Amino acid sequence: MKLVKRNQKLHDPNSPLLIGEVKDGDVVTEVNEPSYIEPKQPTLFDY
C-alpha cells in the first residue's frame, strides 16, 4: 500500500507518462506494438 501511495504522489496529469516524468539522461523509445485483440464489432475506422 505504501508503494501505491508513493506512486500516486508521482502522477502528473500533464505528463505523457503515467507515473513520474522524463528526466535528463532518460531514453524514451517508441515501439510499434501490434494489438493481438480482435475486434468483436466494427469500429468507426472500418468504414
N, C-alpha and C. Protein backbone atom coordinates (compact mmCIF):
# COMPACT_ATOMS: atom_id res chain seq x y z
N MET A 1 0.82 -1.19 0.00
CA MET A 1 0.00 0.00 0.00
C MET A 1 0.87 1.26 0.00
N LYS A 2 2.04 1.18 0.64
CA LYS A 2 2.93 2.34 0.67
C LYS A 2 3.41 2.68 -0.74
N LEU A 3 3.68 1.65 -1.54
CA LEU A 3 4.14 1.86 -2.91
C LEU A 3 3.05 2.54 -3.73
N VAL A 4 1.81 2.15 -3.53
CA VAL A 4 0.68 2.75 -4.25
C VAL A 4 0.58 4.23 -3.93
N LYS A 5 0.67 4.56 -2.67
CA LYS A 5 0.56 5.97 -2.26
C LYS A 5 1.73 6.79 -2.79
N ARG A 6 2.93 6.19 -2.79
CA ARG A 6 4.10 6.90 -3.32
C ARG A 6 3.93 7.17 -4.81
N ASN A 7 3.44 6.16 -5.54
CA ASN A 7 3.23 6.32 -6.98
C ASN A 7 2.13 7.33 -7.28
N GLN A 8 1.10 7.38 -6.45
CA GLN A 8 0.04 8.36 -6.65
C GLN A 8 0.60 9.78 -6.55
N LYS A 9 1.54 10.00 -5.65
CA LYS A 9 2.13 11.33 -5.50
C LYS A 9 3.00 11.70 -6.70
N LEU A 10 3.51 10.69 -7.41
CA LEU A 10 4.36 10.94 -8.58
C LEU A 10 3.56 11.23 -9.84
N HIS A 11 2.24 10.99 -9.81
CA HIS A 11 1.42 11.17 -11.01
C HIS A 11 1.30 12.65 -11.36
N ASP A 12 1.56 12.97 -12.64
CA ASP A 12 1.42 14.32 -13.15
C ASP A 12 0.45 14.26 -14.33
N PRO A 13 -0.75 14.83 -14.21
CA PRO A 13 -1.73 14.74 -15.30
C PRO A 13 -1.26 15.41 -16.59
N ASN A 14 -0.26 16.29 -16.52
CA ASN A 14 0.24 16.96 -17.71
C ASN A 14 1.42 16.22 -18.35
N SER A 15 1.85 15.14 -17.74
CA SER A 15 2.98 14.37 -18.24
C SER A 15 2.50 13.31 -19.22
N PRO A 16 3.28 13.01 -20.25
CA PRO A 16 2.90 11.93 -21.17
C PRO A 16 3.07 10.55 -20.54
N LEU A 17 3.71 10.49 -19.38
CA LEU A 17 3.90 9.22 -18.68
C LEU A 17 2.81 9.04 -17.63
N LEU A 18 2.52 7.81 -17.30
CA LEU A 18 1.51 7.53 -16.28
C LEU A 18 2.01 7.94 -14.90
N ILE A 19 3.28 7.61 -14.62
CA ILE A 19 3.87 7.93 -13.32
C ILE A 19 5.21 8.60 -13.55
N GLY A 20 5.44 9.71 -12.88
CA GLY A 20 6.73 10.38 -12.96
C GLY A 20 6.84 11.29 -14.17
N GLU A 21 8.09 11.60 -14.52
CA GLU A 21 8.34 12.48 -15.65
C GLU A 21 9.66 12.08 -16.31
N VAL A 22 9.87 12.53 -17.51
CA VAL A 22 11.11 12.25 -18.22
C VAL A 22 12.19 13.15 -17.66
N LYS A 23 13.31 12.56 -17.27
CA LYS A 23 14.41 13.32 -16.68
C LYS A 23 15.61 13.30 -17.62
N ASP A 24 16.55 14.20 -17.39
CA ASP A 24 17.78 14.22 -18.18
C ASP A 24 18.46 12.86 -18.07
N GLY A 25 18.90 12.35 -19.20
CA GLY A 25 19.57 11.05 -19.21
C GLY A 25 18.62 9.90 -19.48
N ASP A 26 17.30 10.11 -19.36
CA ASP A 26 16.34 9.06 -19.69
C ASP A 26 16.28 8.87 -21.20
N VAL A 27 16.08 7.66 -21.62
CA VAL A 27 15.94 7.35 -23.03
C VAL A 27 14.51 6.89 -23.26
N VAL A 28 13.79 7.60 -24.12
CA VAL A 28 12.41 7.25 -24.46
C VAL A 28 12.41 6.68 -25.86
N THR A 29 11.90 5.48 -26.00
CA THR A 29 11.87 4.80 -27.29
C THR A 29 10.44 4.45 -27.63
N GLU A 30 9.98 4.89 -28.79
CA GLU A 30 8.65 4.50 -29.25
C GLU A 30 8.76 3.18 -29.98
N VAL A 31 7.84 2.28 -29.72
CA VAL A 31 7.82 0.99 -30.39
C VAL A 31 6.46 0.80 -31.04
N ASN A 32 6.45 0.09 -32.13
CA ASN A 32 5.21 -0.24 -32.81
C ASN A 32 4.80 -1.63 -32.37
N GLU A 33 3.92 -1.70 -31.40
CA GLU A 33 3.50 -2.98 -30.85
C GLU A 33 2.11 -3.31 -31.39
N PRO A 34 2.01 -4.38 -32.19
CA PRO A 34 0.69 -4.72 -32.76
C PRO A 34 -0.26 -5.21 -31.67
N SER A 35 -1.54 -4.97 -31.89
CA SER A 35 -2.55 -5.45 -30.97
C SER A 35 -2.94 -6.87 -31.34
N TYR A 36 -3.05 -7.70 -30.35
CA TYR A 36 -3.47 -9.09 -30.58
C TYR A 36 -4.94 -9.29 -30.23
N ILE A 37 -5.62 -8.21 -29.93
CA ILE A 37 -7.05 -8.29 -29.61
C ILE A 37 -7.83 -8.11 -30.91
N GLU A 38 -8.67 -9.07 -31.21
CA GLU A 38 -9.50 -8.96 -32.41
C GLU A 38 -10.80 -8.26 -32.05
N PRO A 39 -11.17 -7.24 -32.83
CA PRO A 39 -12.42 -6.53 -32.51
C PRO A 39 -13.63 -7.45 -32.67
N LYS A 40 -14.55 -7.32 -31.75
CA LYS A 40 -15.77 -8.13 -31.80
C LYS A 40 -16.85 -7.45 -32.64
N GLN A 41 -16.69 -6.16 -32.85
CA GLN A 41 -17.65 -5.44 -33.66
C GLN A 41 -16.90 -4.40 -34.48
N PRO A 42 -17.47 -3.95 -35.59
CA PRO A 42 -16.78 -2.94 -36.41
C PRO A 42 -16.58 -1.65 -35.62
N THR A 43 -15.52 -0.96 -35.94
CA THR A 43 -15.26 0.32 -35.32
C THR A 43 -15.53 1.43 -36.33
N LEU A 44 -15.44 2.66 -35.91
CA LEU A 44 -15.65 3.80 -36.79
C LEU A 44 -14.69 3.78 -37.96
N PHE A 45 -13.48 3.27 -37.75
CA PHE A 45 -12.45 3.31 -38.77
C PHE A 45 -12.57 2.19 -39.79
N ASP A 46 -13.53 1.29 -39.61
CA ASP A 46 -13.72 0.18 -40.55
C ASP A 46 -14.54 0.61 -41.77
N TYR A 47 -15.12 1.78 -41.73
CA TYR A 47 -15.99 2.20 -42.84
C TYR A 47 -15.30 3.12 -43.80
